[in-house]
Amino acid sequence: MNIYRKLLRWWIALTSVVGFVGGWVYIARATEVGTVTYVGNTAVTMPDLEPIPAVEGLAGNPLSVSTVQSFTFSQSASQQSFSPPMRTGGS
């Protein structure tokens, strides 16, 4: 029984390493995805996305402090009391 457990551990370790290295090689050799998508035999060129706007330019207005949500921190709210879990005799 003990030899079967050792063989199983070696088999799992070997297949894990081979799978990791194989996946690493597969991903490393993958080509870059282009902006062309094929639907059947027709090539469809995907449109370029617009860049993400800066925080100041989301609505076209400059960012002001009054529009930012504020967060207040209360020291008493962060303190929690600790009570140990109840233990029962069980069976």
C-alpha atoms as a PDB file:
ATOM      1  CA  MET A   1       0.000   0.000   0.000  1.00  0.00           C
ATOM      2  CA  ASN A   2       2.820   2.391   0.855  1.00  0.00           C
ATOM      3  CA  ILE A   3       4.525   1.943  -2.538  1.00  0.00           C
ATOM      4  CA  TYR A   4       1.257   2.789  -4.322  1.00  0.00           C
ATOM      5  CA  ARG A   5       0.958   6.033  -2.348  1.00  0.00           C
ATOM      6  CA  LYS A   6       4.526   6.999  -3.274  1.00  0.00           C
ATOM      7  CA  LEU A   7       3.938   6.159  -6.922  1.00  0.00           C
ATOM      8  CA  LEU A   8       0.723   8.191  -6.914  1.00  0.00           C
ATOM      9  CA  ARG A   9       2.522  11.187  -5.389  1.00  0.00           C
ATOM     10  CA  TRP A  10       5.300  10.949  -7.998  1.00  0.00           C
ATOM     11  CA  TRP A  11       2.744  10.600 -10.802  1.00  0.00           C
ATOM     12  CA  ILE A  12       0.792  13.656  -9.621  1.00  0.00           C
ATOM     13  CA  ALA A  13       3.994  15.685  -9.241  1.00  0.00           C
ATOM     14  CA  LEU A  14       5.264  14.667 -12.678  1.00  0.00           C
ATOM     15  CA  THR A  15       1.989  15.407 -14.460  1.00  0.00           C
ATOM     16  CA  SER A  16       1.693  18.749 -12.660  1.00  0.00           C
ATOM     17  CA  VAL A  17       5.162  19.826 -13.773  1.00  0.00           C
ATOM     18  CA  VAL A  18       4.609  18.597 -17.338  1.00  0.00           C
ATOM     19  CA  GLY A  19       1.232  20.341 -17.484  1.00  0.00           C
ATOM     20  CA  PHE A  20       2.658  23.599 -16.156  1.00  0.00           C
ATOM     21  CA  VAL A  21       5.598  23.610 -18.567  1.00  0.00           C
ATOM     22  CA  GLY A  22       3.374  22.566 -21.460  1.00  0.00           C
ATOM     23  CA  GLY A  23       0.900  25.355 -20.750  1.00  0.00           C
ATOM     24  CA  TRP A  24       3.714  27.859 -20.362  1.00  0.00           C
ATOM     25  CA  VAL A  25       5.162  26.864 -23.754  1.00  0.00           C
ATOM     26  CA  TYR A  26       1.707  26.928 -25.366  1.00  0.00           C
ATOM     27  CA  ILE A  27       0.980  30.435 -24.104  1.00  0.00           C
ATOM     28  CA  ALA A  28       4.488  31.669 -24.946  1.00  0.00           C
ATOM     29  CA  ARG A  29       4.143  30.477 -28.553  1.00  0.00           C
ATOM     30  CA  ALA A  30       0.627  31.886 -29.008  1.00  0.00           C
ATOM     31  CA  THR A  31       0.306  34.644 -31.557  1.00  0.00           C
ATOM     32  CA  GLU A  32      -0.968  38.078 -30.684  1.00  0.00           C
ATOM     33  CA  VAL A  33      -4.670  38.620 -31.212  1.00  0.00           C
ATOM     34  CA  GLY A  34      -5.275  41.036 -34.043  1.00  0.00           C
ATOM     35  CA  THR A  35      -8.144  43.412 -34.487  1.00  0.00           C
ATOM     36  CA  VAL A  36      -9.726  41.200 -37.167  1.00  0.00           C
ATOM     37  CA  THR A  37     -12.507  38.794 -36.264  1.00  0.00           C
ATOM     38  CA  TYR A  38     -13.690  36.139 -38.689  1.00  0.00           C
ATOM     39  CA  VAL A  39     -17.414  35.451 -38.989  1.00  0.00           C
ATOM     40  CA  GLY A  40     -17.691  32.459 -41.283  1.00  0.00           C
ATOM     41  CA  ASN A  41     -15.558  33.378 -44.309  1.00  0.00           C
ATOM     42  CA  THR A  42     -15.950  37.120 -43.829  1.00  0.00           C
ATOM     43  CA  ALA A  43     -13.302  39.170 -42.023  1.00  0.00           C
ATOM     44  CA  VAL A  44     -14.749  41.853 -39.762  1.00  0.00           C
ATOM     45  CA  THR A  45     -12.404  44.609 -38.623  1.00  0.00           C
ATOM     46  CA  MET A  46     -13.053  45.609 -35.038  1.00  0.00           C
ATOM     47  CA  PRO A  47     -13.217  49.367 -34.356  1.00  0.00           C
ATOM     48  CA  ASP A  48     -10.591  51.053 -32.208  1.00  0.00           C
ATOM     49  CA  LEU A  49     -11.771  51.974 -28.730  1.00  0.00           C
ATOM     50  CA  GLU A  50     -11.613  55.521 -27.501  1.00  0.00           C
ATOM     51  CA  PRO A  51      -9.154  56.210 -24.686  1.00  0.00           C
ATOM     52  CA  ILE A  52     -10.555  56.368 -21.163  1.00  0.00           C
ATOM     53  CA  PRO A  53     -11.114  59.998 -20.166  1.00  0.00           C
ATOM     54  CA  ALA A  54      -9.276  61.489 -17.211  1.00  0.00           C
ATOM     55  CA  VAL A  55     -11.123  62.106 -13.953  1.00  0.00           C
ATOM     56  CA  GLU A  56     -11.215  65.829 -14.652  1.00  0.00           C
ATOM     57  CA  GLY A  57     -12.834  65.332 -18.036  1.00  0.00           C
ATOM     58  CA  LEU A  58     -15.605  62.825 -17.300  1.00  0.00           C
ATOM     59  CA  ALA A  59     -18.419  65.349 -17.632  1.00  0.00           C
ATOM     60  CA  GLY A  60     -16.411  68.074 -19.323  1.00  0.00           C
ATOM     61  CA  ASN A  61     -16.243  69.958 -16.025  1.00  0.00           C
ATOM     62  CA  PRO A  62     -13.204  70.317 -13.820  1.00  0.00           C
ATOM     63  CA  LEU A  63     -13.178  68.168 -10.682  1.00  0.00           C
ATOM     64  CA  SER A  64     -14.242  70.016  -7.562  1.00  0.00           C
ATOM     65  CA  VAL A  65     -14.146  68.919  -3.948  1.00  0.00           C
ATOM     66  CA  SER A  66     -17.890  69.374  -3.532  1.00  0.00           C
ATOM     67  CA  THR A  67     -18.640  66.602  -6.055  1.00  0.00           C
ATOM     68  CA  VAL A  68     -16.421  64.029  -4.322  1.00  0.00           C
ATOM     69  CA  GLN A  69     -18.072  61.703  -1.817  1.00  0.00           C
ATOM     70  CA  SER A  70     -16.514  62.110   1.605  1.00  0.00           C
ATOM     71  CA  PHE A  71     -15.820  59.365   4.118  1.00  0.00           C
ATOM     72  CA  THR A  72     -15.794  59.889   7.861  1.00  0.00           C
ATOM     73  CA  PHE A  73     -14.069  57.535  10.259  1.00  0.00           C
ATOM     74  CA  SER A  74     -15.199  57.022  13.816  1.00  0.00           C
ATOM     75  CA  GLN A  75     -12.690  55.466  16.221  1.00  0.00           C
ATOM     76  CA  SER A  76     -15.385  54.007  18.485  1.00  0.00           C
ATOM     77  CA  ALA A  77     -17.081  52.244  15.574  1.00  0.00           C
ATOM     78  CA  SER A  78     -13.886  50.431  14.596  1.00  0.00           C
ATOM     79  CA  GLN A  79     -13.320  48.825  18.013  1.00  0.00           C
ATOM     80  CA  GLN A  80     -14.888  45.413  18.343  1.00  0.00           C
ATOM     81  CA  SER A  81     -15.316  43.345  21.439  1.00  0.00           C
ATOM     82  CA  PHE A  82     -13.925  39.840  21.476  1.00  0.00           C
ATOM     83  CA  SER A  83     -15.767  36.953  23.014  1.00  0.00           C
ATOM     84  CA  PRO A  84     -14.358  33.442  22.786  1.00  0.00           C
ATOM     85  CA  PRO A  85     -16.527  30.890  20.998  1.00  0.00           C
ATOM     86  CA  MET A  86     -18.708  28.678  23.161  1.00  0.00           C
ATOM     87  CA  ARG A  87     -17.358  25.198  23.564  1.00  0.00           C
ATOM     88  CA  THR A  88     -19.533  22.223  24.162  1.00  0.00           C
ATOM     89  CA  GLY A  89     -18.551  18.792  25.319  1.00  0.00           C
ATOM     90  CA  GLY A  90     -19.730  17.130  22.148  1.00  0.00           C
ATOM     91  CA  SER A  91     -19.498  13.411  21.665  1.00  0.00           C
END
